[in-house]
C-alpha atoms as a PDB file:
ATOM      1  CA  UNK A   1     -28.642  22.512 -19.850  1.00  0.00           C
ATOM      2  CA  UNK A   2     -32.198  22.381 -19.035  1.00  0.00           C
ATOM      3  CA  UNK A   3     -34.467  19.130 -18.785  1.00  0.00           C
ATOM      4  CA  UNK A   4     -38.014  19.853 -18.245  1.00  0.00           C
ATOM      5  CA  UNK A   5     -38.568  20.715 -14.618  1.00  0.00           C
ATOM      6  CA  UNK A   6     -36.540  23.209 -13.590  1.00  0.00           C
ATOM      7  CA  UNK A   7     -37.857  26.760 -14.189  1.00  0.00           C
ATOM      8  CA  UNK A   8     -41.372  25.142 -12.836  1.00  0.00           C
ATOM      9  CA  UNK A   9     -40.010  23.806  -9.773  1.00  0.00           C
ATOM     10  CA  UNK A  10     -37.788  26.499  -8.801  1.00  0.00           C
ATOM     11  CA  UNK A  11     -40.459  29.177  -9.657  1.00  0.00           C
ATOM     12  CA  UNK A  12     -43.080  27.679  -7.708  1.00  0.00           C
ATOM     13  CA  UNK A  13     -40.885  27.033  -4.560  1.00  0.00           C
ATOM     14  CA  UNK A  14     -39.538  30.442  -4.727  1.00  0.00           C
ATOM     15  CA  UNK A  15     -43.236  31.412  -4.478  1.00  0.00           C
ATOM     16  CA  UNK A  16     -44.240  29.593  -1.765  1.00  0.00           C
ATOM     17  CA  UNK A  17     -41.232  30.007   0.154  1.00  0.00           C
ATOM     18  CA  UNK A  18     -41.246  33.983  -0.081  1.00  0.00           C
ATOM     19  CA  UNK A  19     -44.095  34.376   2.517  1.00  0.00           C
ATOM     20  CA  UNK A  20     -42.091  32.483   5.167  1.00  0.00           C
ATOM     21  CA  UNK A  21     -38.944  34.246   5.142  1.00  0.00           C
ATOM     22  CA  UNK A  22     -38.250  35.634   8.595  1.00  0.00           C
ATOM     23  CA  UNK A  23     -35.445  37.756  10.396  1.00  0.00           C
ATOM     24  CA  UNK A  24     -33.887  34.243  11.405  1.00  0.00           C
ATOM     25  CA  UNK A  25     -33.298  33.695   7.684  1.00  0.00           C
ATOM     26  CA  UNK A  26     -30.756  36.616   7.673  1.00  0.00           C
ATOM     27  CA  UNK A  27     -28.347  35.149  10.335  1.00  0.00           C
ATOM     28  CA  UNK A  28     -28.765  31.763   8.501  1.00  0.00           C
ATOM     29  CA  UNK A  29     -27.035  33.412   5.458  1.00  0.00           C
ATOM     30  CA  UNK A  30     -24.546  35.343   7.498  1.00  0.00           C
ATOM     31  CA  UNK A  31     -23.415  31.975   8.911  1.00  0.00           C
ATOM     32  CA  UNK A  32     -23.229  30.638   5.662  1.00  0.00           C
ATOM     33  CA  UNK A  33     -21.223  33.128   4.221  1.00  0.00           C
ATOM     34  CA  UNK A  34     -18.838  32.919   7.353  1.00  0.00           C
ATOM     35  CA  UNK A  35     -18.557  28.888   6.922  1.00  0.00           C
ATOM     36  CA  UNK A  36     -17.625  29.679   2.851  1.00  0.00           C
ATOM     37  CA  UNK A  37     -14.593  31.770   4.068  1.00  0.00           C
ATOM     38  CA  UNK A  38     -13.520  29.258   6.433  1.00  0.00           C
ATOM     39  CA  UNK A  39     -13.933  26.386   3.949  1.00  0.00           C
ATOM     40  CA  UNK A  40     -11.812  28.277   1.356  1.00  0.00           C
ATOM     41  CA  UNK A  41      -9.180  29.158   3.761  1.00  0.00           C
ATOM     42  CA  UNK A  42      -7.265  31.568   2.225  1.00  0.00           C
ATOM     43  CA  UNK A  43      -7.879  35.261   0.948  1.00  0.00           C
ATOM     44  CA  UNK A  44      -9.975  35.752  -2.408  1.00  0.00           C
ATOM     45  CA  UNK A  45     -11.775  38.543  -4.268  1.00  0.00           C
ATOM     46  CA  UNK A  46     -13.640  37.311  -7.232  1.00  0.00           C
ATOM     47  CA  UNK A  47     -16.596  34.780  -6.975  1.00  0.00           C
ATOM     48  CA  UNK A  48     -19.147  33.159  -9.138  1.00  0.00           C
ATOM     49  CA  UNK A  49     -22.356  31.632  -7.835  1.00  0.00           C
ATOM     50  CA  UNK A  50     -24.303  29.076  -9.861  1.00  0.00           C
ATOM     51  CA  UNK A  51     -28.135  28.795  -9.150  1.00  0.00           C
ATOM     52  CA  UNK A  52     -27.915  31.621  -6.811  1.00  0.00           C
ATOM     53  CA  UNK A  53     -31.679  31.831  -6.041  1.00  0.00           C
ATOM     54  CA  UNK A  54     -32.613  35.027  -4.110  1.00  0.00           C
ATOM     55  CA  UNK A  55     -28.698  35.898  -3.691  1.00  0.00           C
ATOM     56  CA  UNK A  56     -28.686  35.883  -0.027  1.00  0.00           C
ATOM     57  CA  UNK A  57     -25.176  34.433   0.132  1.00  0.00           C
ATOM     58  CA  UNK A  58     -23.976  36.348  -2.681  1.00  0.00           C
ATOM     59  CA  UNK A  59     -25.140  39.603  -0.599  1.00  0.00           C
ATOM     60  CA  UNK A  60     -23.354  38.644   2.206  1.00  0.00           C
ATOM     61  CA  UNK A  61     -20.074  37.959   0.514  1.00  0.00           C
ATOM     62  CA  UNK A  62     -20.224  41.108  -1.119  1.00  0.00           C
ATOM     63  CA  UNK A  63     -20.549  42.809   2.397  1.00  0.00           C
ATOM     64  CA  UNK A  64     -17.340  40.972   3.040  1.00  0.00           C
ATOM     65  CA  UNK A  65     -15.698  42.643   0.268  1.00  0.00           C
ATOM     66  CA  UNK A  66     -16.012  40.052  -2.437  1.00  0.00           C
ATOM     67  CA  UNK A  67     -16.999  40.896  -5.953  1.00  0.00           C
ATOM     68  CA  UNK A  68     -19.839  38.623  -6.901  1.00  0.00           C
ATOM     69  CA  UNK A  69     -21.289  37.449 -10.289  1.00  0.00           C
ATOM     70  CA  UNK A  70     -24.546  35.156  -9.975  1.00  0.00           C
ATOM     71  CA  UNK A  71     -26.209  33.100 -12.758  1.00  0.00           C
ATOM     72  CA  UNK A  72     -29.968  32.363 -11.970  1.00  0.00           C
ATOM     73  CA  UNK A  73     -32.154  30.432 -14.637  1.00  0.00           C
ATOM     74  CA  UNK A  74     -35.461  31.637 -13.424  1.00  0.00           C
ATOM     75  CA  UNK A  75     -36.108  35.407 -14.598  1.00  0.00           C
ATOM     76  CA  UNK A  76     -38.527  36.202 -11.823  1.00  0.00           C
ATOM     77  CA  UNK A  77     -36.063  34.932  -9.126  1.00  0.00           C
ATOM     78  CA  UNK A  78     -33.182  36.729 -11.004  1.00  0.00           C
ATOM     79  CA  UNK A  79     -35.349  39.929 -11.019  1.00  0.00           C
ATOM     80  CA  UNK A  80     -36.072  39.655  -7.138  1.00  0.00           C
ATOM     81  CA  UNK A  81     -32.252  39.366  -6.461  1.00  0.00           C
ATOM     82  CA  UNK A  82     -31.170  41.938  -8.939  1.00  0.00           C
ATOM     83  CA  UNK A  83     -33.535  44.397  -7.032  1.00  0.00           C
ATOM     84  CA  UNK A  84     -31.898  43.823  -3.748  1.00  0.00           C
ATOM     85  CA  UNK A  85     -28.556  43.160  -4.847  1.00  0.00           C
ATOM     86  CA  UNK A  86     -25.261  44.368  -2.805  1.00  0.00           C
ATOM     87  CA  UNK A  87     -23.414  46.992  -5.266  1.00  0.00           C
ATOM     88  CA  UNK A  88     -20.845  44.483  -5.320  1.00  0.00           C
ATOM     89  CA  UNK A  89     -22.962  41.669  -6.951  1.00  0.00           C
ATOM     90  CA  UNK A  90     -23.763  41.266 -10.781  1.00  0.00           C
ATOM     91  CA  UNK A  91     -27.059  39.195 -11.333  1.00  0.00           C
ATOM     92  CA  UNK A  92     -27.283  37.389 -14.699  1.00  0.00           C
ATOM     93  CA  UNK A  93     -30.158  35.354 -15.717  1.00  0.00           C
ATOM     94  CA  UNK A  94     -28.996  32.663 -17.737  1.00  0.00           C
ATOM     95  CA  UNK A  95     -28.348  29.047 -18.022  1.00  0.00           C
ATOM     96  CA  UNK A  96     -24.687  28.189 -16.840  1.00  0.00           C
ATOM     97  CA  UNK A  97     -24.547  25.103 -19.071  1.00  0.00           C
ATOM     98  CA  UNK A  98     -24.511  27.581 -22.244  1.00  0.00           C
ATOM     99  CA  UNK A  99     -23.724  31.012 -20.748  1.00  0.00           C
ATOM    100  CA  UNK A 100     -20.421  32.823 -21.836  1.00  0.00           C
ATOM    101  CA  UNK A 101     -18.391  34.366 -19.123  1.00  0.00           C
ATOM    102  CA  UNK A 102     -15.587  37.128 -20.141  1.00  0.00           C
ATOM    103  CA  UNK A 103     -13.689  36.249 -17.078  1.00  0.00           C
ATOM    104  CA  UNK A 104     -12.172  33.745 -14.557  1.00  0.00           C
ATOM    105  CA  UNK A 105     -12.910  33.830 -10.825  1.00  0.00           C
ATOM    106  CA  UNK A 106     -11.232  32.932  -7.477  1.00  0.00           C
ATOM    107  CA  UNK A 107     -13.866  31.047  -6.167  1.00  0.00           C
ATOM    108  CA  UNK A 108     -17.067  29.168  -7.991  1.00  0.00           C
ATOM    109  CA  UNK A 109     -19.901  28.011  -5.704  1.00  0.00           C
ATOM    110  CA  UNK A 110     -22.785  25.666  -6.371  1.00  0.00           C
ATOM    111  CA  UNK A 111     -24.902  25.213  -3.353  1.00  0.00           C
ATOM    112  CA  UNK A 112     -27.749  23.017  -2.884  1.00  0.00           C
ATOM    113  CA  UNK A 113     -28.781  22.072  -6.528  1.00  0.00           C
ATOM    114  CA  UNK A 114     -25.887  20.025  -8.428  1.00  0.00           C
ATOM    115  CA  UNK A 115     -27.175  17.049 -10.193  1.00  0.00           C
ATOM    116  CA  UNK A 116     -29.267  18.162 -12.862  1.00  0.00           C
ATOM    117  CA  UNK A 117     -29.442  15.889 -15.917  1.00  0.00           C
ATOM    118  CA  UNK A 118     -27.020  13.026 -16.509  1.00  0.00           C
ATOM    119  CA  UNK A 119     -23.603  12.110 -15.387  1.00  0.00           C
ATOM    120  CA  UNK A 120     -22.665  13.292 -19.003  1.00  0.00           C
ATOM    121  CA  UNK A 121     -24.317  16.901 -18.240  1.00  0.00           C
ATOM    122  CA  UNK A 122     -22.460  16.951 -14.718  1.00  0.00           C
ATOM    123  CA  UNK A 123     -19.145  16.031 -16.421  1.00  0.00           C
ATOM    124  CA  UNK A 124     -19.609  19.005 -18.947  1.00  0.00           C
ATOM    125  CA  UNK A 125     -20.505  21.228 -16.284  1.00  0.00           C
ATOM    126  CA  UNK A 126     -17.538  20.425 -13.969  1.00  0.00           C
ATOM    127  CA  UNK A 127     -15.570  20.960 -17.275  1.00  0.00           C
ATOM    128  CA  UNK A 128     -16.794  24.594 -17.631  1.00  0.00           C
ATOM    129  CA  UNK A 129     -16.043  25.059 -13.766  1.00  0.00           C
ATOM    130  CA  UNK A 130     -12.619  23.921 -14.687  1.00  0.00           C
ATOM    131  CA  UNK A 131     -12.498  26.742 -17.431  1.00  0.00           C
ATOM    132  CA  UNK A 132     -13.887  29.491 -15.246  1.00  0.00           C
ATOM    133  CA  UNK A 133     -11.384  29.087 -12.000  1.00  0.00           C
ATOM    134  CA  UNK A 134      -8.420  30.807 -11.913  1.00  0.00           C
ATOM    135  CA  UNK A 135      -5.285  28.810 -11.775  1.00  0.00           C
ATOM    136  CA  UNK A 136      -5.245  28.945  -7.781  1.00  0.00           C
ATOM    137  CA  UNK A 137      -8.944  29.012  -7.511  1.00  0.00           C
ATOM    138  CA  UNK A 138     -11.145  27.022  -5.695  1.00  0.00           C
ATOM    139  CA  UNK A 139     -14.714  25.545  -6.373  1.00  0.00           C
ATOM    140  CA  UNK A 140     -17.085  24.513  -3.369  1.00  0.00           C
ATOM    141  CA  UNK A 141     -20.203  22.260  -4.636  1.00  0.00           C
ATOM    142  CA  UNK A 142     -22.805  20.774  -2.425  1.00  0.00           C
ATOM    143  CA  UNK A 143     -23.494  16.941  -3.488  1.00  0.00           C
ATOM    144  CA  UNK A 144     -26.361  14.761  -2.689  1.00  0.00           C
ATOM    145  CA  UNK A 145     -25.436  11.687  -0.516  1.00  0.00           C
ATOM    146  CA  UNK A 146     -27.471   8.671  -1.687  1.00  0.00           C
ATOM    147  CA  UNK A 147     -27.476   6.897   1.419  1.00  0.00           C
ATOM    148  CA  UNK A 148     -29.532   9.731   3.053  1.00  0.00           C
ATOM    149  CA  UNK A 149     -32.155   9.652   0.275  1.00  0.00           C
ATOM    150  CA  UNK A 150     -32.513   5.959   0.239  1.00  0.00           C
ATOM    151  CA  UNK A 151     -33.164   6.098   3.980  1.00  0.00           C
ATOM    152  CA  UNK A 152     -35.841   8.901   3.652  1.00  0.00           C
ATOM    153  CA  UNK A 153     -37.775   7.857   0.529  1.00  0.00           C
ATOM    154  CA  UNK A 154     -41.358   8.052   0.845  1.00  0.00           C
ATOM    155  CA  UNK A 155     -41.291  10.773   4.021  1.00  0.00           C
ATOM    156  CA  UNK A 156     -43.777  13.478   3.462  1.00  0.00           C
ATOM    157  CA  UNK A 157     -43.877  16.591   5.314  1.00  0.00           C
ATOM    158  CA  UNK A 158     -45.139  20.192   5.694  1.00  0.00           C
ATOM    159  CA  UNK A 159     -42.279  22.260   4.671  1.00  0.00           C
ATOM    160  CA  UNK A 160     -43.713  25.769   5.567  1.00  0.00           C
ATOM    161  CA  UNK A 161     -45.518  24.805   8.353  1.00  0.00           C
ATOM    162  CA  UNK A 162     -48.729  26.037   7.166  1.00  0.00           C
ATOM    163  CA  UNK A 163     -50.554  23.183   6.135  1.00  0.00           C
ATOM    164  CA  UNK A 164     -51.014  24.545   2.899  1.00  0.00           C
ATOM    165  CA  UNK A 165     -48.010  22.826   0.880  1.00  0.00           C
ATOM    166  CA  UNK A 166     -46.748  19.247   1.451  1.00  0.00           C
ATOM    167  CA  UNK A 167     -43.639  18.166   0.334  1.00  0.00           C
ATOM    168  CA  UNK A 168     -42.528  14.468  -0.380  1.00  0.00           C
ATOM    169  CA  UNK A 169     -38.625  12.820  -0.757  1.00  0.00           C
ATOM    170  CA  UNK A 170     -37.987   9.631  -2.821  1.00  0.00           C
ATOM    171  CA  UNK A 171     -35.348   7.977  -4.461  1.00  0.00           C
ATOM    172  CA  UNK A 172     -35.030   6.319  -7.768  1.00  0.00           C
ATOM    173  CA  UNK A 173     -32.531   3.602  -7.243  1.00  0.00           C
ATOM    174  CA  UNK A 174     -32.171   2.672 -10.831  1.00  0.00           C
ATOM    175  CA  UNK A 175     -30.875   6.248 -11.663  1.00  0.00           C
ATOM    176  CA  UNK A 176     -29.430   7.019  -8.278  1.00  0.00           C
ATOM    177  CA  UNK A 177     -31.391  10.349  -7.842  1.00  0.00           C
ATOM    178  CA  UNK A 178     -33.151  11.826  -5.390  1.00  0.00           C
ATOM    179  CA  UNK A 179     -36.536  13.487  -5.815  1.00  0.00           C
ATOM    180  CA  UNK A 180     -38.262  16.298  -3.928  1.00  0.00           C
ATOM    181  CA  UNK A 181     -42.285  16.669  -4.816  1.00  0.00           C
ATOM    182  CA  UNK A 182     -44.109  19.735  -3.510  1.00  0.00           C
ATOM    183  CA  UNK A 183     -47.796  20.574  -4.042  1.00  0.00           C
ATOM    184  CA  UNK A 184     -50.587  22.403  -2.628  1.00  0.00           C
ATOM    185  CA  UNK A 185     -52.724  20.565  -0.279  1.00  0.00           C
ATOM    186  CA  UNK A 186     -55.798  21.292  -2.129  1.00  0.00           C
ATOM    187  CA  UNK A 187     -54.086  20.753  -5.605  1.00  0.00           C
ATOM    188  CA  UNK A 188     -52.778  17.187  -5.445  1.00  0.00           C
ATOM    189  CA  UNK A 189     -53.079  16.886  -9.104  1.00  0.00           C
ATOM    190  CA  UNK A 190     -50.674  19.723  -9.689  1.00  0.00           C
ATOM    191  CA  UNK A 191     -47.340  18.441  -8.535  1.00  0.00           C
ATOM    192  CA  UNK A 192     -43.631  19.799  -9.062  1.00  0.00           C
ATOM    193  CA  UNK A 193     -40.666  17.565  -8.673  1.00  0.00           C
ATOM    194  CA  UNK A 194     -36.866  18.406  -9.069  1.00  0.00           C
ATOM    195  CA  UNK A 195     -34.761  15.138  -9.649  1.00  0.00           C
ATOM    196  CA  UNK A 196     -30.999  15.395  -8.856  1.00  0.00           C
ATOM    197  CA  UNK A 197     -28.201  12.718  -8.987  1.00  0.00           C
ATOM    198  CA  UNK A 198     -26.550  11.499  -5.869  1.00  0.00           C
ATOM    199  CA  UNK A 199     -23.145  10.513  -5.806  1.00  0.00           C
ATOM    200  CA  UNK A 200     -20.854   8.921  -3.118  1.00  0.00           C
ATOM    201  CA  UNK A 201     -17.608  10.484  -2.148  1.00  0.00           C
ATOM    202  CA  UNK A 202     -15.941   7.969  -4.473  1.00  0.00           C
ATOM    203  CA  UNK A 203     -18.413   8.268  -7.318  1.00  0.00           C
ATOM    204  CA  UNK A 204     -17.864  12.333  -7.280  1.00  0.00           C
ATOM    205  CA  UNK A 205     -14.194  11.776  -7.058  1.00  0.00           C
ATOM    206  CA  UNK A 206     -14.124   9.946 -10.199  1.00  0.00           C
ATOM    207  CA  UNK A 207     -16.368  12.297 -12.111  1.00  0.00           C
ATOM    208  CA  UNK A 208     -14.114  15.217 -10.864  1.00  0.00           C
ATOM    209  CA  UNK A 209     -10.873  13.305 -11.965  1.00  0.00           C
ATOM    210  CA  UNK A 210     -12.461  12.875 -15.767  1.00  0.00           C
ATOM    211  CA  UNK A 211     -12.848  16.929 -15.625  1.00  0.00           C
ATOM    212  CA  UNK A 212      -9.224  17.332 -14.739  1.00  0.00           C
ATOM    213  CA  UNK A 213     -10.189  18.801 -11.139  1.00  0.00           C
ATOM    214  CA  UNK A 214      -8.998  17.436  -7.935  1.00  0.00           C
ATOM    215  CA  UNK A 215     -10.925  17.251  -4.487  1.00  0.00           C
ATOM    216  CA  UNK A 216      -8.962  18.674  -1.842  1.00  0.00           C
ATOM    217  CA  UNK A 217     -11.882  18.914   0.766  1.00  0.00           C
ATOM    218  CA  UNK A 218     -15.018  16.992   1.886  1.00  0.00           C
ATOM    219  CA  UNK A 219     -17.296  18.470   4.240  1.00  0.00           C
ATOM    220  CA  UNK A 220     -20.182  16.720   5.551  1.00  0.00           C
ATOM    221  CA  UNK A 221     -23.619  18.560   5.863  1.00  0.00           C
ATOM    222  CA  UNK A 222     -26.377  18.276   8.132  1.00  0.00           C
ATOM    223  CA  UNK A 223     -29.380  15.975   8.403  1.00  0.00           C
ATOM    224  CA  UNK A 224     -33.147  15.976   9.430  1.00  0.00           C
ATOM    225  CA  UNK A 225     -34.088  14.098  12.378  1.00  0.00           C
ATOM    226  CA  UNK A 226     -37.739  13.582  11.684  1.00  0.00           C
ATOM    227  CA  UNK A 227     -38.563  11.579  14.642  1.00  0.00           C
ATOM    228  CA  UNK A 228     -37.206  14.321  16.830  1.00  0.00           C
ATOM    229  CA  UNK A 229     -38.489  17.032  14.443  1.00  0.00           C
ATOM    230  CA  UNK A 230     -34.845  18.956  14.455  1.00  0.00           C
ATOM    231  CA  UNK A 231     -32.087  19.589  12.206  1.00  0.00           C
ATOM    232  CA  UNK A 232     -28.625  18.329  12.951  1.00  0.00           C
ATOM    233  CA  UNK A 233     -26.234  20.881  11.550  1.00  0.00           C
ATOM    234  CA  UNK A 234     -23.214  18.648  11.275  1.00  0.00           C
ATOM    235  CA  UNK A 235     -23.496  14.579  10.667  1.00  0.00           C
ATOM    236  CA  UNK A 236     -21.106  11.866   9.329  1.00  0.00           C
ATOM    237  CA  UNK A 237     -20.992  11.277   5.639  1.00  0.00           C
ATOM    238  CA  UNK A 238     -23.420   8.194   5.903  1.00  0.00           C
ATOM    239  CA  UNK A 239     -26.006  10.224   7.556  1.00  0.00           C
ATOM    240  CA  UNK A 240     -25.656  13.572   5.812  1.00  0.00           C
ATOM    241  CA  UNK A 241     -28.169  14.990   3.409  1.00  0.00           C
ATOM    242  CA  UNK A 242     -25.529  16.441   1.227  1.00  0.00           C
ATOM    243  CA  UNK A 243     -21.542  17.132   1.627  1.00  0.00           C
ATOM    244  CA  UNK A 244     -19.570  19.682   0.374  1.00  0.00           C
ATOM    245  CA  UNK A 245     -16.604  19.102  -1.897  1.00  0.00           C
ATOM    246  CA  UNK A 246     -13.754  21.651  -2.416  1.00  0.00           C
ATOM    247  CA  UNK A 247     -11.955  21.776  -5.650  1.00  0.00           C
ATOM    248  CA  UNK A 248      -8.961  22.720  -7.619  1.00  0.00           C
ATOM    249  CA  UNK A 249      -7.524  22.699 -10.997  1.00  0.00           C
ATOM    250  CA  UNK A 250      -5.241  19.591 -11.391  1.00  0.00           C
END
């Protein structure tokens, strides 16, 4: 399922961020892979990652012996990921609302991106995730937390530290959606925005129930402290930018 902003937004963000990657980025993805293993909490082999981007998490999991299939919508990002993929990673360029997959998986990941489209679109995807899971499999999905986005609405920043690109957070209180807008400072008329649904723990629990999925774990994430200019890795549910849910088939 696509609306009308995904390819443009993710392609532009990919282009802007590419030049800013550093050696410290590698350690971040190593830590993220280790955290995922901890959150799963048991041995597993096969992984499906939705919206996998450049494939760093997939590669780290592959280095730990996992067999990973990734799905990325944007062709240029999928090509980049494929050229750098570990031998245990299969990169697919496709739309995970329509893609047909021949296998089921021990673990399904959707990190930093859930919420495209309407509640019905999320329900449709959750039902697909149910169908892709092995009977004893788990899914880990990042959910945007509405209280954080209400609090940071209107906040502008220099995301790359170059003064060449600006970023603005906002919140649509009618539709309960966060918006994240990027633009080049010398091209204020050419902005690109992502819009993702936000859910409280109670709301996402109810939505997962409709998909016959049971939440068996909640993991609060971090938050940016704009006044101090630092990012806190772990915060409370009331303060976090997003939280991760762990799902299994009911």
